[in-house]
């Protein structure tokens, strides 16, 4: 499994796509350099963006197959959706790699 972090232009493109189409405003603040970001494209071509904000206990997951509102990630899990095994592996990897950011 390969994840991409912080310097990937795909992240910027995905964040722009996560803007509310009616108001043009982002549903989440643009991440800072202290945050952990990772993207993943599953076998169906759906894009996922994991955002762990510095010092926050929970993270956010944007999934292109669902609402552009962020899904809450708590203790490494998203309750609101069913994920396939590759997506779960991506989420597990992101949660582990973002621990230092989460703890601040």
C-alpha atoms as a PDB file:
ATOM      1  CA  UNK A   1       0.000   0.000   0.000  1.00  0.00           C
ATOM      2  CA  UNK A   2       1.358   3.386  -0.956  1.00  0.00           C
ATOM      3  CA  UNK A   3       0.222   6.647   0.573  1.00  0.00           C
ATOM      4  CA  UNK A   4       1.250  10.105  -0.419  1.00  0.00           C
ATOM      5  CA  UNK A   5       1.780  12.876   2.081  1.00  0.00           C
ATOM      6  CA  UNK A   6       2.055  16.664   2.352  1.00  0.00           C
ATOM      7  CA  UNK A   7       3.756  17.632  -0.939  1.00  0.00           C
ATOM      8  CA  UNK A   8       1.445  15.880  -3.378  1.00  0.00           C
ATOM      9  CA  UNK A   9      -0.473  18.173  -5.784  1.00  0.00           C
ATOM     10  CA  UNK A  10      -3.282  15.593  -5.743  1.00  0.00           C
ATOM     11  CA  UNK A  11      -4.009  16.660  -2.165  1.00  0.00           C
ATOM     12  CA  UNK A  12      -4.479  20.282  -3.193  1.00  0.00           C
ATOM     13  CA  UNK A  13      -6.740  19.227  -6.070  1.00  0.00           C
ATOM     14  CA  UNK A  14      -8.791  17.014  -3.743  1.00  0.00           C
ATOM     15  CA  UNK A  15      -9.151  19.785  -1.152  1.00  0.00           C
ATOM     16  CA  UNK A  16     -10.440  22.115  -3.848  1.00  0.00           C
ATOM     17  CA  UNK A  17     -12.918  19.427  -4.957  1.00  0.00           C
ATOM     18  CA  UNK A  18     -14.060  19.121  -1.322  1.00  0.00           C
ATOM     19  CA  UNK A  19     -15.394  22.667  -1.510  1.00  0.00           C
ATOM     20  CA  UNK A  20     -19.120  23.052  -1.122  1.00  0.00           C
ATOM     21  CA  UNK A  21     -20.449  23.299  -4.703  1.00  0.00           C
ATOM     22  CA  UNK A  22     -23.242  25.652  -3.642  1.00  0.00           C
ATOM     23  CA  UNK A  23     -21.206  28.190  -1.662  1.00  0.00           C
ATOM     24  CA  UNK A  24     -17.703  27.522  -2.959  1.00  0.00           C
ATOM     25  CA  UNK A  25     -16.440  27.414   0.630  1.00  0.00           C
ATOM     26  CA  UNK A  26     -14.327  24.607   1.975  1.00  0.00           C
ATOM     27  CA  UNK A  27     -16.090  22.215   4.309  1.00  0.00           C
ATOM     28  CA  UNK A  28     -12.857  21.987   6.304  1.00  0.00           C
ATOM     29  CA  UNK A  29     -10.049  24.453   6.850  1.00  0.00           C
ATOM     30  CA  UNK A  30      -7.045  24.126   4.569  1.00  0.00           C
ATOM     31  CA  UNK A  31      -4.473  21.999   6.410  1.00  0.00           C
ATOM     32  CA  UNK A  32      -1.252  23.506   7.753  1.00  0.00           C
ATOM     33  CA  UNK A  33       2.306  22.192   7.493  1.00  0.00           C
ATOM     34  CA  UNK A  34       1.896  20.659  10.961  1.00  0.00           C
ATOM     35  CA  UNK A  35      -0.986  18.420   9.849  1.00  0.00           C
ATOM     36  CA  UNK A  36      -0.703  14.922   8.358  1.00  0.00           C
ATOM     37  CA  UNK A  37      -2.296  14.369   4.947  1.00  0.00           C
ATOM     38  CA  UNK A  38      -2.478  11.261   2.798  1.00  0.00           C
ATOM     39  CA  UNK A  39      -4.365  10.325  -0.345  1.00  0.00           C
ATOM     40  CA  UNK A  40      -5.391   6.987  -1.788  1.00  0.00           C
ATOM     41  CA  UNK A  41      -7.235   5.868  -4.911  1.00  0.00           C
ATOM     42  CA  UNK A  42      -9.066   2.566  -4.483  1.00  0.00           C
ATOM     43  CA  UNK A  43      -9.615  -0.099  -7.145  1.00  0.00           C
ATOM     44  CA  UNK A  44     -12.822   1.638  -8.255  1.00  0.00           C
ATOM     45  CA  UNK A  45     -11.049   4.958  -8.876  1.00  0.00           C
ATOM     46  CA  UNK A  46     -12.587   6.590  -5.798  1.00  0.00           C
ATOM     47  CA  UNK A  47     -10.295   9.070  -4.068  1.00  0.00           C
ATOM     48  CA  UNK A  48      -9.764   9.235  -0.318  1.00  0.00           C
ATOM     49  CA  UNK A  49      -8.106  12.058   1.586  1.00  0.00           C
ATOM     50  CA  UNK A  50      -7.075  11.534   5.216  1.00  0.00           C
ATOM     51  CA  UNK A  51      -6.487  14.696   7.269  1.00  0.00           C
ATOM     52  CA  UNK A  52      -5.092  14.585  10.808  1.00  0.00           C
ATOM     53  CA  UNK A  53      -4.922  18.047  12.326  1.00  0.00           C
ATOM     54  CA  UNK A  54      -2.087  18.821  14.732  1.00  0.00           C
ATOM     55  CA  UNK A  55      -3.197  18.235  18.332  1.00  0.00           C
ATOM     56  CA  UNK A  56      -6.685  16.872  17.472  1.00  0.00           C
ATOM     57  CA  UNK A  57      -7.838  13.533  18.857  1.00  0.00           C
ATOM     58  CA  UNK A  58      -9.911  12.774  15.768  1.00  0.00           C
ATOM     59  CA  UNK A  59      -9.118  12.966  12.063  1.00  0.00           C
ATOM     60  CA  UNK A  60     -11.188  13.565   8.933  1.00  0.00           C
ATOM     61  CA  UNK A  61     -11.650  11.373   5.892  1.00  0.00           C
ATOM     62  CA  UNK A  62     -12.934  12.719   2.601  1.00  0.00           C
ATOM     63  CA  UNK A  63     -14.224   9.974   0.290  1.00  0.00           C
ATOM     64  CA  UNK A  64     -15.165  10.883  -3.294  1.00  0.00           C
ATOM     65  CA  UNK A  65     -17.962   8.288  -3.342  1.00  0.00           C
ATOM     66  CA  UNK A  66     -19.727   9.960  -0.416  1.00  0.00           C
ATOM     67  CA  UNK A  67     -20.763  13.445   0.581  1.00  0.00           C
ATOM     68  CA  UNK A  68     -18.018  16.039   0.356  1.00  0.00           C
ATOM     69  CA  UNK A  69     -18.490  16.612   4.075  1.00  0.00           C
ATOM     70  CA  UNK A  70     -15.615  15.084   6.024  1.00  0.00           C
ATOM     71  CA  UNK A  71     -16.230  11.790   7.811  1.00  0.00           C
ATOM     72  CA  UNK A  72     -15.026  11.675  11.420  1.00  0.00           C
ATOM     73  CA  UNK A  73     -12.204   9.221  12.155  1.00  0.00           C
ATOM     74  CA  UNK A  74     -12.034   8.253  15.815  1.00  0.00           C
ATOM     75  CA  UNK A  75      -9.630   5.661  17.222  1.00  0.00           C
ATOM     76  CA  UNK A  76      -8.707   4.751  13.649  1.00  0.00           C
ATOM     77  CA  UNK A  77     -12.243   3.954  12.495  1.00  0.00           C
ATOM     78  CA  UNK A  78     -15.051   5.597  10.536  1.00  0.00           C
ATOM     79  CA  UNK A  79     -18.474   4.550  11.762  1.00  0.00           C
ATOM     80  CA  UNK A  80     -20.599   6.110   9.015  1.00  0.00           C
ATOM     81  CA  UNK A  81     -19.526   3.986   6.020  1.00  0.00           C
ATOM     82  CA  UNK A  82     -18.580   0.475   5.004  1.00  0.00           C
ATOM     83  CA  UNK A  83     -15.031   0.301   3.684  1.00  0.00           C
ATOM     84  CA  UNK A  84     -13.324  -2.402   1.657  1.00  0.00           C
ATOM     85  CA  UNK A  85     -10.136  -4.081   2.915  1.00  0.00           C
ATOM     86  CA  UNK A  86      -7.791  -1.780   0.934  1.00  0.00           C
ATOM     87  CA  UNK A  87      -9.498   1.321   2.322  1.00  0.00           C
ATOM     88  CA  UNK A  88      -9.289  -0.072   5.861  1.00  0.00           C
ATOM     89  CA  UNK A  89      -5.581  -0.794   5.346  1.00  0.00           C
ATOM     90  CA  UNK A  90      -5.079   2.796   4.112  1.00  0.00           C
ATOM     91  CA  UNK A  91      -6.952   4.160   7.145  1.00  0.00           C
ATOM     92  CA  UNK A  92      -4.978   1.961   9.565  1.00  0.00           C
ATOM     93  CA  UNK A  93      -1.692   3.099   8.009  1.00  0.00           C
ATOM     94  CA  UNK A  94      -2.702   6.758   8.188  1.00  0.00           C
ATOM     95  CA  UNK A  95      -3.860   6.473  11.802  1.00  0.00           C
ATOM     96  CA  UNK A  96      -0.561   4.876  12.839  1.00  0.00           C
ATOM     97  CA  UNK A  97       1.612   7.344  10.913  1.00  0.00           C
ATOM     98  CA  UNK A  98      -0.274  10.377  12.245  1.00  0.00           C
ATOM     99  CA  UNK A  99       0.054   9.509  15.940  1.00  0.00           C
ATOM    100  CA  UNK A 100       2.731  12.136  16.632  1.00  0.00           C
ATOM    101  CA  UNK A 101       0.635  14.806  14.911  1.00  0.00           C
ATOM    102  CA  UNK A 102      -2.456  13.753  16.868  1.00  0.00           C
ATOM    103  CA  UNK A 103      -0.638  13.959  20.174  1.00  0.00           C
ATOM    104  CA  UNK A 104       0.724  17.396  19.292  1.00  0.00           C
END
